[in-house]
Amino acid sequence: MRVLIAGGGEVAALVARRLAFEGNEVILIEQNPDRCAELEDSLDARVHRGSATSVRTMREAGVSDTDLLIAVTDDDKANLLACLIAQAEAPTITKIARVRTHEIHEWQQVCSAAGLRIDHLIHPESEMVRRMLPVLGLPGVSDIIDFAGGEIKVFGLMLDASHWAVGKTMEELDRAGPPENSLIAMIFRGSQVIIPHGGDVLREGDHVFIITRRSDLDEDFRFMGITPQPSLDRVFILGGKQVGIQIASDLEAQGVTVKLFERNLERCEKISQLLRKTIVVHGDGTDEATLVDEHIEGADAFLALTNDDEDNIIASLLARRLGVKKVAALVNRLNYLPMAQRLGISTTVSPRVAAVDGILRYVRKGRVQSVTTFRQEEAEAIELVATASSKYVGCPLRSLKLPEGCII
């Protein structure tokens, strides 16, 4: 397949690397000459310097002979315009675009009415909200990821020094009587990704991912010593951007008391008009005195969702020290994700990872039902359907010669 990617940022590079590795011909369009040089050095892909909003540039990059356009520049308007050019030059081309505007549904309607067919719109903010909400009442749990329409769950758990499983081998855990259809599928240990076997030992600081059936999830929580909060009463949110407002609105609908901190006064006034019950605080949510004055101690969750990674990480650590039961941070820079988790911030979300997952899920559609990326590309979970023609159908799993580091 011939793939044209509009944009040369981290999302574009991640997607290009994956698709080129899978044997696709990949061309990237990027304006910045320095970034073009970086991409040429690091990717097995052709880099074309220019703007994806230029008809001439798109023609020179070969849009008319392309099977798939992925528009992931930093500008929503540029992404939509690139799709428009592609449709005019190659009517049958498949188009994916990332948009960050909160008017995502309105834009879908406008594009449809104008005859602009965009096959898949990626909205990372909505994906981040979907990932965060289920774990807010689960201290220590980083993620709960659905497969098979929710019938299969994968949840992540950070092991501190006091956790009963630290020092135990996989065989010892199995003898302790976990739910029958449960499996420790993956361990992050520093920069290592471990697919564990019977003799492997769990250590303090391990980030463990467990796969189980939906019907066994609560039993797995009990087995691993996780005590869900009976209800969410108080949640603090740092940052009044789109994702913070969306989560606050969803929590309001659940009857949760929400306080949202925003430094910009004008932004505070706008947020107070959008949200009905959330208390909007004009102040610095990274300041200890401010948080103490607002009675943060004992809050159920603290969500750091500004555009500043350092502020988000520092504020999350401060909130945890002040007695918040659950902290979560938005992290833009992918190389910060492992560090944040090693510091004890169990739940981290990244708009870039969310965008990559959404793109790959669509690109690989058919037998592939979903794609989930873990941390900085270290691991990936792929949900796919075994067809009648698959060479593995009918074979016992023990007889399969899978690549090292894979598990079914």
Protein backbone atom coordinates (compact mmCIF):
# COMPACT_ATOMS: atom_id res chain seq x y z
CA MET A 1 0.00 0.00 0.00
CA ARG A 2 1.19 3.52 -0.80
CA VAL A 3 0.67 5.89 2.13
CA LEU A 4 1.02 9.68 2.12
CA ILE A 5 1.37 11.31 5.55
CA ALA A 6 0.76 15.06 5.83
CA GLY A 7 2.88 16.33 8.74
CA GLY A 8 6.21 15.40 10.24
CA GLY A 9 5.58 15.49 13.98
CA GLU A 10 5.84 12.66 16.50
CA VAL A 11 2.53 11.11 15.51
CA ALA A 12 3.51 11.13 11.84
CA ALA A 13 6.88 9.58 12.63
CA LEU A 14 5.39 6.85 14.83
CA VAL A 15 2.79 5.90 12.23
CA ALA A 16 5.34 6.05 9.39
CA ARG A 17 7.73 3.77 11.27
CA ARG A 18 5.01 1.17 11.91
CA LEU A 19 3.63 1.20 8.38
CA ALA A 20 7.06 1.12 6.70
CA PHE A 21 8.07 -1.81 8.91
CA GLU A 22 4.99 -3.67 7.67
CA GLY A 23 6.14 -3.27 4.06
CA ASN A 24 4.14 -0.23 2.96
CA GLU A 25 5.58 2.55 0.81
CA VAL A 26 5.44 5.69 2.98
CA ILE A 27 5.93 9.35 1.94
CA LEU A 28 5.85 12.20 4.47
CA ILE A 29 5.20 15.89 3.69
CA GLU A 30 6.88 18.31 6.11
CA GLN A 31 7.68 22.02 5.82
CA ASN A 32 10.53 22.43 8.31
CA PRO A 33 13.91 21.60 6.65
CA ASP A 34 15.58 20.60 9.92
CA ARG A 35 12.72 18.24 10.76
CA CYS A 36 12.89 16.82 7.22
CA ALA A 37 16.56 15.95 7.80
CA GLU A 38 15.72 14.25 11.13
CA LEU A 39 12.97 12.18 9.54
CA GLU A 40 15.18 11.11 6.63
CA ASP A 41 17.82 9.91 9.08
CA SER A 42 15.44 7.97 11.32
CA LEU A 43 12.78 6.52 9.00
CA ASP A 44 12.65 4.09 6.11
CA ALA A 45 10.40 6.50 4.24
CA ARG A 46 10.62 9.24 1.63
CA VAL A 47 10.35 12.79 2.98
CA HIS A 48 9.02 15.54 0.70
CA ARG A 49 9.61 19.12 1.83
CA GLY A 50 6.59 21.39 1.44
CA SER A 51 3.11 22.19 2.71
CA ALA A 52 0.26 19.70 2.61
CA THR A 53 -2.08 22.63 1.91
CA SER A 54 -0.34 23.24 -1.44
CA VAL A 55 -1.86 21.53 -4.46
CA ARG A 56 1.51 21.58 -6.20
CA THR A 57 3.26 19.95 -3.22
CA MET A 58 0.61 17.24 -2.96
CA ARG A 59 0.92 16.50 -6.67
CA GLU A 60 4.71 16.35 -6.46
CA ALA A 61 4.41 13.91 -3.54
CA GLY A 62 2.28 11.64 -5.74
CA VAL A 63 -1.16 12.02 -4.16
CA SER A 64 -2.91 10.83 -7.34
CA ASP A 65 -1.21 7.41 -7.06
CA THR A 66 -1.71 7.05 -3.30
CA ASP A 67 -3.96 4.53 -1.56
CA LEU A 68 -4.16 6.25 1.83
CA LEU A 69 -3.76 9.82 3.11
CA ILE A 70 -3.10 10.38 6.83
CA ALA A 71 -3.35 14.10 7.69
CA VAL A 72 -1.71 14.74 11.08
CA THR A 73 -0.20 18.23 10.91
CA ASP A 74 -0.51 20.48 13.98
CA ASP A 75 -3.26 22.50 12.26
CA ASP A 76 -6.83 21.18 11.96
CA LYS A 77 -7.52 23.41 8.97
CA ALA A 78 -4.42 22.13 7.16
CA ASN A 79 -5.51 18.53 7.77
CA LEU A 80 -8.99 19.14 6.37
CA LEU A 81 -7.60 21.05 3.39
CA ALA A 82 -5.15 18.22 2.63
CA CYS A 83 -8.12 15.83 2.57
CA LEU A 84 -9.95 18.14 0.19
CA ILE A 85 -6.97 18.27 -2.20
CA ALA A 86 -6.56 14.50 -2.01
CA GLN A 87 -10.23 13.92 -2.83
CA ALA A 88 -10.01 16.19 -5.86
CA GLU A 89 -6.80 14.58 -7.14
CA ALA A 90 -7.63 10.95 -6.27
CA PRO A 91 -11.38 10.39 -5.73
CA THR A 92 -10.94 6.81 -4.45
CA ILE A 93 -8.20 7.56 -1.92
CA THR A 94 -8.89 6.65 1.73
CA LYS A 95 -8.50 9.64 4.05
CA ILE A 96 -7.77 9.86 7.79
CA ALA A 97 -7.49 13.22 9.55
CA ARG A 98 -6.65 14.25 13.10
CA VAL A 99 -8.71 17.13 14.47
CA ARG A 100 -8.45 18.62 17.95
CA THR A 101 -11.36 21.06 17.92
CA HIS A 102 -14.17 20.51 20.40
CA GLU A 103 -16.53 20.92 17.42
CA ILE A 104 -15.66 17.46 16.14
CA HIS A 105 -19.28 16.42 15.57
CA GLU A 106 -20.15 19.70 13.85
CA TRP A 107 -17.19 19.32 11.51
CA GLN A 108 -18.26 15.79 10.64
CA GLN A 109 -21.65 17.15 9.62
CA VAL A 110 -20.15 20.07 7.66
CA CYS A 111 -17.74 17.82 5.75
CA SER A 112 -20.54 15.43 4.89
CA ALA A 113 -22.82 18.25 3.71
CA ALA A 114 -20.01 19.72 1.59
CA GLY A 115 -19.29 16.37 -0.04
CA LEU A 116 -15.85 16.01 1.58
CA ARG A 117 -15.55 12.32 2.44
CA ILE A 118 -13.15 11.75 5.31
CA ASP A 119 -13.17 8.05 6.11
CA HIS A 120 -11.99 8.44 9.69
CA LEU A 121 -11.64 11.48 11.96
CA ILE A 122 -9.27 11.04 14.92
CA HIS A 123 -10.09 13.09 18.04
CA PRO A 124 -7.37 12.31 20.64
CA GLU A 125 -9.03 14.26 23.46
CA SER A 126 -12.12 12.04 23.40
CA GLU A 127 -9.92 8.94 23.42
CA MET A 128 -8.00 10.23 26.47
CA VAL A 129 -11.24 10.85 28.36
CA ARG A 130 -12.38 7.33 27.52
CA ARG A 131 -9.13 5.91 28.91
CA MET A 132 -9.12 7.94 32.14
CA LEU A 133 -12.69 7.77 33.42
CA PRO A 134 -12.86 4.01 34.19
CA VAL A 135 -9.79 4.06 36.48
CA LEU A 136 -10.47 7.17 38.59
CA GLY A 137 -11.97 5.07 41.38
CA LEU A 138 -9.18 2.47 41.29
CA PRO A 139 -6.04 3.57 43.16
CA GLY A 140 -2.94 1.91 41.73
CA VAL A 141 -4.62 0.84 38.48
CA SER A 142 -3.15 2.60 35.45
CA ASP A 143 -5.43 1.41 32.65
CA ILE A 144 -8.42 -0.76 31.88
CA ILE A 145 -8.46 -1.62 28.18
CA ASP A 146 -11.34 -3.39 26.47
CA PHE A 147 -11.07 -6.14 23.89
CA ALA A 148 -13.73 -8.33 22.26
CA GLY A 149 -16.44 -5.74 22.80
CA GLY A 150 -15.61 -5.44 26.50
CA GLU A 151 -15.73 -9.18 27.24
CA ILE A 152 -11.96 -9.23 27.72
CA LYS A 153 -10.21 -6.71 29.99
CA VAL A 154 -6.53 -5.83 30.37
CA PHE A 155 -5.66 -3.77 33.43
CA GLY A 156 -2.34 -2.29 34.52
CA LEU A 157 -1.12 -2.24 38.12
CA MET A 158 1.90 -0.56 39.73
CA LEU A 159 3.56 -2.68 42.44
CA ASP A 160 4.95 -0.79 45.43
CA ALA A 161 7.22 -2.26 48.10
CA SER A 162 4.29 -3.27 50.32
CA HIS A 163 2.39 -5.22 47.69
CA TRP A 164 1.96 -8.87 48.65
CA ALA A 165 2.96 -10.13 45.18
CA VAL A 166 6.44 -8.54 45.25
CA GLY A 167 9.06 -11.28 45.45
CA LYS A 168 6.69 -13.98 44.19
CA THR A 169 7.33 -16.03 41.05
CA MET A 170 4.64 -16.59 38.43
CA GLU A 171 4.38 -20.19 39.65
CA GLU A 172 3.81 -19.04 43.25
CA LEU A 173 1.13 -16.61 42.14
CA ASP A 174 -0.57 -19.39 40.19
CA ARG A 175 -0.59 -21.59 43.31
CA ALA A 176 -2.19 -18.73 45.29
CA GLY A 177 -5.44 -19.34 43.37
CA PRO A 178 -6.11 -16.48 40.94
CA PRO A 179 -9.31 -16.51 38.85
CA GLU A 180 -9.03 -19.33 36.33
CA ASN A 181 -9.09 -17.25 33.14
CA SER A 182 -6.48 -14.69 34.20
CA LEU A 183 -2.91 -14.17 33.07
CA ILE A 184 -0.07 -11.76 33.78
CA ALA A 185 0.65 -10.94 30.15
CA MET A 186 3.32 -8.25 30.39
CA ILE A 187 5.63 -6.49 32.84
CA PHE A 188 7.33 -3.13 32.38
CA ARG A 189 10.49 -2.99 34.47
CA GLY A 190 12.35 0.24 33.82
CA SER A 191 13.01 0.23 30.09
CA GLN A 192 12.46 -3.54 29.83
CA VAL A 193 9.33 -5.22 28.49
CA ILE A 194 8.98 -8.73 29.91
CA ILE A 195 6.57 -11.45 28.76
CA PRO A 196 6.79 -13.50 31.97
CA HIS A 197 7.23 -17.23 32.42
CA GLY A 198 6.85 -19.48 35.45
CA GLY A 199 10.18 -18.66 37.11
CA ASP A 200 10.05 -14.87 36.65
CA VAL A 201 9.83 -12.89 39.90
CA LEU A 202 7.79 -9.72 40.44
CA ARG A 203 9.76 -6.77 41.82
CA GLU A 204 9.00 -3.47 43.48
CA GLY A 205 8.23 -0.83 40.85
CA ASP A 206 7.02 -3.30 38.23
CA HIS A 207 4.15 -2.15 36.04
CA VAL A 208 2.14 -5.32 35.54
CA PHE A 209 -0.59 -5.90 32.95
CA ILE A 210 -3.15 -8.62 33.64
CA ILE A 211 -5.64 -10.01 31.13
CA THR A 212 -8.94 -11.47 32.30
CA ARG A 213 -12.58 -11.95 31.42
CA ARG A 214 -15.03 -9.16 32.20
CA SER A 215 -16.93 -11.49 34.52
CA ASP A 216 -13.73 -12.14 36.53
CA LEU A 217 -12.48 -8.54 36.76
CA ASP A 218 -13.71 -7.83 40.29
CA GLU A 219 -12.29 -11.14 41.52
CA ASP A 220 -8.95 -10.27 39.92
CA PHE A 221 -8.99 -6.92 41.71
CA ARG A 222 -9.53 -8.68 45.04
CA PHE A 223 -6.78 -11.20 44.28
CA MET A 224 -4.29 -8.43 43.51
CA GLY A 225 -5.30 -6.41 46.57
CA ILE A 226 -7.09 -3.60 44.72
CA THR A 227 -9.96 -2.00 46.63
CA PRO A 228 -12.22 0.05 44.35
CA GLN A 229 -13.64 3.20 45.88
CA PRO A 230 -17.39 2.75 46.46
CA SER A 231 -18.04 6.08 44.70
CA LEU A 232 -16.30 9.19 43.45
CA ASP A 233 -17.18 12.22 45.54
CA ARG A 234 -14.48 14.85 44.93
CA VAL A 235 -12.18 15.28 41.92
CA PHE A 236 -9.65 18.07 41.29
CA ILE A 237 -8.68 18.98 37.71
CA LEU A 238 -5.67 21.09 36.79
CA GLY A 239 -6.02 22.84 33.43
CA GLY A 240 -8.96 24.36 31.61
CA LYS A 241 -8.27 23.08 28.13
CA GLN A 242 -10.64 20.94 26.09
CA VAL A 243 -9.87 17.61 27.74
CA GLY A 244 -10.25 19.05 31.26
CA ILE A 245 -13.61 20.59 30.40
CA GLN A 246 -14.84 17.36 28.81
CA ILE A 247 -13.91 15.26 31.84
CA ALA A 248 -15.43 17.80 34.22
CA SER A 249 -18.68 17.70 32.25
CA ASP A 250 -18.78 13.89 32.33
CA LEU A 251 -18.08 13.84 36.08
CA GLU A 252 -20.79 16.45 36.69
CA ALA A 253 -23.28 14.14 35.00
CA GLN A 254 -22.27 11.41 37.48
CA GLY A 255 -22.92 13.68 40.46
CA VAL A 256 -19.23 14.17 41.33
CA THR A 257 -18.08 17.43 42.96
CA VAL A 258 -15.40 18.89 40.67
CA LYS A 259 -12.93 21.73 41.22
CA LEU A 260 -11.06 22.92 38.13
CA PHE A 261 -7.95 25.12 38.43
CA GLU A 262 -7.01 27.54 35.69
CA ARG A 263 -4.45 30.37 35.79
CA ASN A 264 -5.98 32.48 33.00
CA LEU A 265 -8.85 34.63 34.31
CA GLU A 266 -10.50 35.06 30.93
CA ARG A 267 -10.38 31.31 30.41
CA CYS A 268 -11.93 30.78 33.86
CA GLU A 269 -14.87 32.98 32.94
CA LYS A 270 -15.43 31.03 29.72
CA ILE A 271 -15.23 27.65 31.50
CA SER A 272 -17.73 28.76 34.15
CA GLN A 273 -20.22 29.42 31.33
CA LEU A 274 -19.67 25.96 29.80
CA LEU A 275 -19.92 23.92 33.01
CA ARG A 276 -22.97 24.00 35.26
CA LYS A 277 -21.78 22.66 38.62
CA THR A 278 -17.96 22.58 38.51
CA ILE A 279 -16.23 25.05 40.84
CA VAL A 280 -13.75 26.96 38.69
CA VAL A 281 -10.79 28.25 40.71
CA HIS A 282 -8.67 31.08 39.31
CA GLY A 283 -5.33 30.00 40.73
CA ASP A 284 -2.17 27.95 40.40
CA GLY A 285 -3.03 24.29 40.83
CA THR A 286 0.66 23.43 41.18
CA ASP A 287 0.94 25.56 44.34
CA GLU A 288 0.74 23.62 47.61
CA ALA A 289 -0.87 26.45 49.60
CA THR A 290 -3.60 26.87 46.97
CA LEU A 291 -4.40 23.16 46.99
CA VAL A 292 -4.45 23.02 50.79
CA ASP A 293 -6.76 26.04 50.95
CA GLU A 294 -9.11 24.26 48.56
CA HIS A 295 -9.14 21.18 50.86
CA ILE A 296 -7.39 18.73 48.56
CA GLU A 297 -6.62 16.23 51.33
CA GLY A 298 -8.70 13.09 50.90
CA ALA A 299 -9.87 13.96 47.39
CA ASP A 300 -10.68 10.91 45.31
CA ALA A 301 -8.66 11.97 42.25
CA PHE A 302 -6.40 14.69 40.90
CA LEU A 303 -6.06 15.04 37.12
CA ALA A 304 -3.23 17.19 35.77
CA LEU A 305 -4.27 18.10 32.22
CA THR A 306 -2.38 21.23 31.20
CA ASN A 307 -0.24 21.48 28.08
CA ASP A 308 2.92 21.58 30.21
CA ASP A 309 4.31 18.10 30.94
CA GLU A 310 6.56 19.27 33.76
CA ASP A 311 3.68 21.07 35.53
CA ASN A 312 1.50 17.99 35.18
CA ILE A 313 4.10 15.64 36.64
CA ILE A 314 5.08 17.96 39.52
CA ALA A 315 1.45 18.72 40.39
CA SER A 316 0.55 15.00 40.38
CA LEU A 317 3.41 14.18 42.75
CA LEU A 318 2.37 17.06 45.02
CA ALA A 319 -1.26 15.95 45.03
CA ARG A 320 -0.27 12.42 45.94
CA ARG A 321 1.85 13.72 48.84
CA LEU A 322 -1.12 15.80 50.03
CA GLY A 323 -3.28 12.71 50.36
CA VAL A 324 -5.14 12.33 47.07
CA LYS A 325 -6.18 8.73 46.47
CA LYS A 326 -5.62 8.70 42.69
CA VAL A 327 -3.48 10.90 40.42
CA ALA A 328 -3.34 11.02 36.62
CA ALA A 329 -1.28 13.17 34.27
CA LEU A 330 -1.42 14.17 30.63
CA VAL A 331 2.02 13.71 29.07
CA ASN A 332 2.75 15.00 25.56
CA ARG A 333 6.41 14.01 25.27
CA LEU A 334 6.55 10.27 24.75
CA ASN A 335 9.97 9.93 26.40
CA TYR A 336 8.41 11.27 29.62
CA LEU A 337 5.87 8.44 29.89
CA PRO A 338 8.18 5.81 31.46
CA MET A 339 9.65 8.40 33.86
CA ALA A 340 6.21 9.54 35.04
CA GLN A 341 5.18 5.96 35.78
CA ARG A 342 8.44 5.22 37.59
CA LEU A 343 7.74 8.25 39.78
CA GLY A 344 4.50 6.62 40.87
CA ILE A 345 2.01 8.37 38.59
CA SER A 346 0.15 5.22 37.68
CA THR A 347 -2.19 6.69 35.07
CA THR A 348 -0.73 8.70 32.21
CA VAL A 349 -2.45 9.64 28.97
CA SER A 350 -0.91 10.97 25.78
CA PRO A 351 -2.79 12.65 22.92
CA ARG A 352 -0.07 11.42 20.56
CA VAL A 353 -0.38 7.78 21.58
CA ALA A 354 -4.18 8.10 21.39
CA ALA A 355 -3.89 9.43 17.83
CA VAL A 356 -1.48 6.67 16.76
CA ASP A 357 -3.76 3.97 18.17
CA GLY A 358 -6.79 5.43 16.39
CA ILE A 359 -4.95 5.62 13.07
CA LEU A 360 -3.48 2.12 13.20
CA ARG A 361 -6.78 0.65 14.31
CA TYR A 362 -8.39 2.00 11.15
CA VAL A 363 -5.50 1.27 8.79
CA ARG A 364 -5.40 -2.35 9.89
CA LYS A 365 -9.17 -2.79 9.87
CA GLY A 366 -10.60 -6.07 8.66
CA ARG A 367 -9.12 -8.92 10.61
CA VAL A 368 -7.56 -6.42 13.05
CA GLN A 369 -10.20 -5.21 15.50
CA SER A 370 -8.08 -2.90 17.64
CA VAL A 371 -4.53 -1.71 18.32
CA THR A 372 -3.27 -0.46 21.68
CA THR A 373 0.18 1.05 22.18
CA PHE A 374 1.87 0.89 25.58
CA ARG A 375 4.16 3.68 26.75
CA GLN A 376 6.75 4.87 24.21
CA GLU A 377 6.07 2.18 21.58
CA GLU A 378 7.70 -0.50 23.77
CA ALA A 379 4.77 -2.88 23.36
CA GLU A 380 1.57 -3.30 21.41
CA ALA A 381 -1.60 -5.31 21.84
CA ILE A 382 -3.37 -6.32 18.64
CA GLU A 383 -6.85 -7.81 18.62
CA LEU A 384 -7.49 -9.77 15.44
CA VAL A 385 -9.78 -12.42 14.03
CA ALA A 386 -8.39 -15.82 12.99
CA THR A 387 -9.70 -16.67 9.55
CA ALA A 388 -10.20 -20.11 8.01
CA SER A 389 -7.09 -19.61 5.88
CA SER A 390 -4.80 -18.86 8.84
CA LYS A 391 -1.99 -21.40 9.21
CA TYR A 392 -2.50 -21.33 12.99
CA VAL A 393 -6.19 -22.33 13.00
CA GLY A 394 -6.63 -25.81 14.43
CA CYS A 395 -3.13 -25.93 15.96
CA PRO A 396 -2.52 -26.32 19.71
CA LEU A 397 -0.99 -23.11 21.10
CA ARG A 398 1.97 -25.06 22.51
CA SER A 399 2.97 -26.08 18.98
CA LEU A 400 3.07 -22.51 17.60
CA LYS A 401 6.49 -21.04 16.95
CA LEU A 402 5.74 -17.43 17.80
CA PRO A 403 8.40 -14.69 17.70
CA GLU A 404 10.11 -14.12 21.04
CA GLY A 405 8.21 -11.61 23.15
CA CYS A 406 4.74 -12.54 21.84
CA ILE A 407 1.84 -14.05 23.74
CA ILE A 408 -1.68 -15.06 22.73
